[in-house]
Amino acid sequence: MMALAEMGNFALLRRVITRDPDAGGEDYIPIDLARFEAMEAEGAFALSWRAHGLAYGVPVSVCEQLDKGVDVLVNLSRTVLEEARDKFPGFVTLLLTAPAEVLAARLAGRGRESTEEIARRLERAEFTLASGLPVIEVSNDGPLEQTVVRILDALQAERV
């Protein structure tokens, strides 16, 4: 996502996640569950959800960026897409798709999940999004550079 943000003049939002700070992967703000729940109760998140045994939050600072006309990229759970659509004018879902074998290899390569956890995620990979969501679907089945170009092309077309 970092390459996409830099090439497409988008702001990349860092999520707050109750994940070990050494887990790697995306650039996120690690936090323990007690602090997350306190922040959630204080209204510190524009969106929050639970998935994969973790808690995720989108800081309310996203509202300031959007109010300034900045296009913001953030990785969301499909469970909060309708809420995001209702909360943020101009919201668009960027749906990245890939064949199951590609997803399995990528998840295994991250090394954050067991074989059983990967199998459960792959079972959920086939889903239908809620109707009424604006969706841009992009195939993410090749090299990262190719996917970034596909995404930028699709998002630039959406901006017009």
Protein backbone atom coordinates (compact mmCIF):
# COMPACT_ATOMS: atom_id res chain seq x y z
CA MET A 1 0.00 0.00 0.00
CA MET A 2 2.94 2.32 0.61
CA ALA A 3 3.98 2.20 -3.05
CA LEU A 4 0.40 2.83 -4.10
CA ALA A 5 0.08 5.84 -1.81
CA GLU A 6 3.33 7.37 -3.05
CA MET A 7 2.62 6.80 -6.74
CA GLY A 8 -1.00 7.88 -6.67
CA ASN A 9 -0.83 10.89 -4.35
CA PHE A 10 -2.99 9.23 -1.70
CA ALA A 11 -2.64 9.39 2.07
CA LEU A 12 -2.06 6.01 3.66
CA LEU A 13 -3.81 5.66 7.00
CA ARG A 14 -2.13 3.63 9.75
CA ARG A 15 -4.59 1.41 11.58
CA VAL A 16 -4.46 0.83 15.31
CA ILE A 17 -4.22 -2.93 15.90
CA THR A 18 -3.94 -5.12 18.98
CA ARG A 19 -1.15 -7.04 17.27
CA ASP A 20 2.35 -7.69 18.57
CA PRO A 21 4.61 -4.82 17.49
CA ASP A 22 7.10 -7.33 16.08
CA ALA A 23 4.54 -9.11 13.87
CA GLY A 24 5.64 -7.21 10.78
CA GLY A 25 3.58 -6.65 7.67
CA GLU A 26 1.86 -3.33 7.35
CA ASP A 27 2.86 -0.12 9.11
CA TYR A 28 0.38 -0.04 12.00
CA ILE A 29 0.10 1.34 15.50
CA PRO A 30 0.41 -1.58 17.94
CA ILE A 31 -1.60 -1.35 21.13
CA ASP A 32 -2.82 -3.66 23.87
CA LEU A 33 -6.51 -4.57 24.15
CA ALA A 34 -7.15 -2.59 27.34
CA ARG A 35 -5.85 0.64 25.76
CA PHE A 36 -7.73 -0.10 22.53
CA GLU A 37 -11.00 -0.52 24.41
CA ALA A 38 -10.37 2.69 26.36
CA MET A 39 -9.70 4.60 23.13
CA GLU A 40 -12.79 3.08 21.56
CA ALA A 41 -14.91 4.19 24.53
CA GLU A 42 -13.41 7.69 24.25
CA GLY A 43 -14.47 7.94 20.58
CA ALA A 44 -10.92 7.86 19.23
CA PHE A 45 -11.89 5.70 16.25
CA ALA A 46 -13.97 6.60 13.22
CA LEU A 47 -14.39 2.85 12.65
CA SER A 48 -13.48 -0.18 14.74
CA TRP A 49 -14.00 -3.92 14.47
CA ARG A 50 -12.78 -7.29 15.65
CA ALA A 51 -11.35 -9.97 13.33
CA HIS A 52 -8.84 -12.81 13.46
CA GLY A 53 -8.58 -12.50 17.24
CA LEU A 54 -7.49 -8.86 17.03
CA ALA A 55 -9.11 -5.44 17.39
CA TYR A 56 -8.68 -2.86 14.61
CA GLY A 57 -9.34 0.87 14.65
CA VAL A 58 -9.31 3.71 12.16
CA PRO A 59 -8.31 6.90 14.01
CA VAL A 60 -10.73 9.83 13.80
CA SER A 61 -7.90 11.85 12.23
CA VAL A 62 -9.10 10.36 8.93
CA CYS A 63 -12.05 12.77 9.10
CA GLU A 64 -9.70 15.78 9.09
CA GLN A 65 -7.85 14.44 6.06
CA LEU A 66 -11.06 13.79 4.16
CA ASP A 67 -12.41 17.24 5.08
CA LYS A 68 -9.28 18.71 3.45
CA GLY A 69 -10.02 16.80 0.24
CA VAL A 70 -7.28 14.22 0.70
CA ASP A 71 -7.95 10.77 -0.76
CA VAL A 72 -7.14 8.23 1.97
CA LEU A 73 -6.34 4.54 1.58
CA VAL A 74 -7.09 2.22 4.48
CA ASN A 75 -7.44 -1.53 4.77
CA LEU A 76 -10.92 -2.30 6.16
CA SER A 77 -12.83 -5.39 7.14
CA ARG A 78 -15.81 -6.14 4.94
CA THR A 79 -17.87 -6.03 8.16
CA VAL A 80 -17.50 -2.23 8.33
CA LEU A 81 -17.80 -1.33 4.64
CA GLU A 82 -21.45 -0.26 4.86
CA GLU A 83 -20.70 1.86 7.93
CA ALA A 84 -17.77 3.46 6.08
CA ARG A 85 -19.95 4.15 3.04
CA ASP A 86 -22.58 5.82 5.24
CA LYS A 87 -20.01 7.80 7.23
CA PHE A 88 -17.70 9.03 4.46
CA PRO A 89 -19.07 10.78 1.36
CA GLY A 90 -17.31 9.60 -1.78
CA PHE A 91 -16.33 6.29 -0.17
CA VAL A 92 -15.27 3.60 -2.64
CA THR A 93 -14.38 -0.02 -1.92
CA LEU A 94 -11.25 -1.24 -3.66
CA LEU A 95 -11.67 -5.01 -3.83
CA LEU A 96 -8.46 -6.88 -4.56
CA THR A 97 -9.03 -10.43 -5.75
CA ALA A 98 -6.69 -13.36 -6.38
CA PRO A 99 -7.05 -17.10 -6.93
CA ALA A 100 -7.14 -19.26 -3.77
CA GLU A 101 -3.71 -20.78 -4.46
CA VAL A 102 -2.15 -17.31 -4.71
CA LEU A 103 -3.83 -16.23 -1.46
CA ALA A 104 -2.69 -19.40 0.31
CA ALA A 105 0.92 -18.88 -0.76
CA ARG A 106 0.90 -15.23 0.29
CA LEU A 107 -0.64 -15.95 3.69
CA ALA A 108 1.85 -18.75 4.31
CA GLY A 109 4.70 -16.46 3.26
CA ARG A 110 3.73 -13.88 5.89
CA GLY A 111 4.27 -16.45 8.60
CA ARG A 112 1.70 -14.90 10.96
CA GLU A 113 -0.94 -17.65 10.81
CA SER A 114 -1.05 -21.40 11.26
CA THR A 115 -2.09 -23.78 8.50
CA GLU A 116 -5.52 -24.08 10.15
CA GLU A 117 -5.94 -20.29 10.37
CA ILE A 118 -4.99 -19.94 6.71
CA ALA A 119 -7.55 -22.61 5.77
CA ARG A 120 -10.27 -20.71 7.68
CA ARG A 121 -9.33 -17.46 5.93
CA LEU A 122 -9.47 -19.12 2.54
CA GLU A 123 -12.94 -20.48 3.33
CA ARG A 124 -14.05 -16.89 3.91
CA ALA A 125 -12.33 -15.59 0.77
CA GLU A 126 -15.43 -16.25 -1.32
CA PHE A 127 -17.99 -13.71 -0.20
CA THR A 128 -20.55 -11.31 -1.53
CA LEU A 129 -20.32 -7.65 -0.64
CA ALA A 130 -23.42 -5.84 0.55
CA SER A 131 -25.46 -4.37 -2.26
CA GLY A 132 -25.17 -0.65 -2.81
CA LEU A 133 -21.46 -0.46 -2.11
CA PRO A 134 -19.43 1.37 -4.75
CA VAL A 135 -16.80 -1.20 -5.74
CA ILE A 136 -13.71 -1.12 -7.91
CA GLU A 137 -12.45 -4.67 -8.41
CA VAL A 138 -8.81 -5.26 -9.31
CA SER A 139 -7.05 -8.57 -9.85
CA ASN A 140 -4.05 -8.97 -7.56
CA ASP A 141 -2.75 -12.17 -9.10
CA GLY A 142 0.62 -10.99 -10.36
CA PRO A 143 3.67 -9.03 -9.25
CA LEU A 144 3.13 -6.12 -6.88
CA GLU A 145 4.19 -3.54 -9.48
CA GLN A 146 1.56 -4.81 -11.91
CA THR A 147 -1.17 -4.66 -9.27
CA VAL A 148 -0.17 -1.12 -8.25
CA VAL A 149 -0.50 0.04 -11.87
CA ARG A 150 -3.92 -1.63 -12.16
CA ILE A 151 -5.10 0.00 -8.95
CA LEU A 152 -3.82 3.45 -9.90
CA ASP A 153 -5.50 3.22 -13.30
CA ALA A 154 -8.79 2.23 -11.69
CA LEU A 155 -8.63 4.89 -8.98
CA GLN A 156 -7.61 7.64 -11.39
CA ALA A 157 -10.62 6.75 -13.56
CA GLU A 158 -12.82 6.99 -10.44
CA ARG A 159 -11.45 10.48 -9.61
CA VAL A 160 -12.47 11.87 -13.02
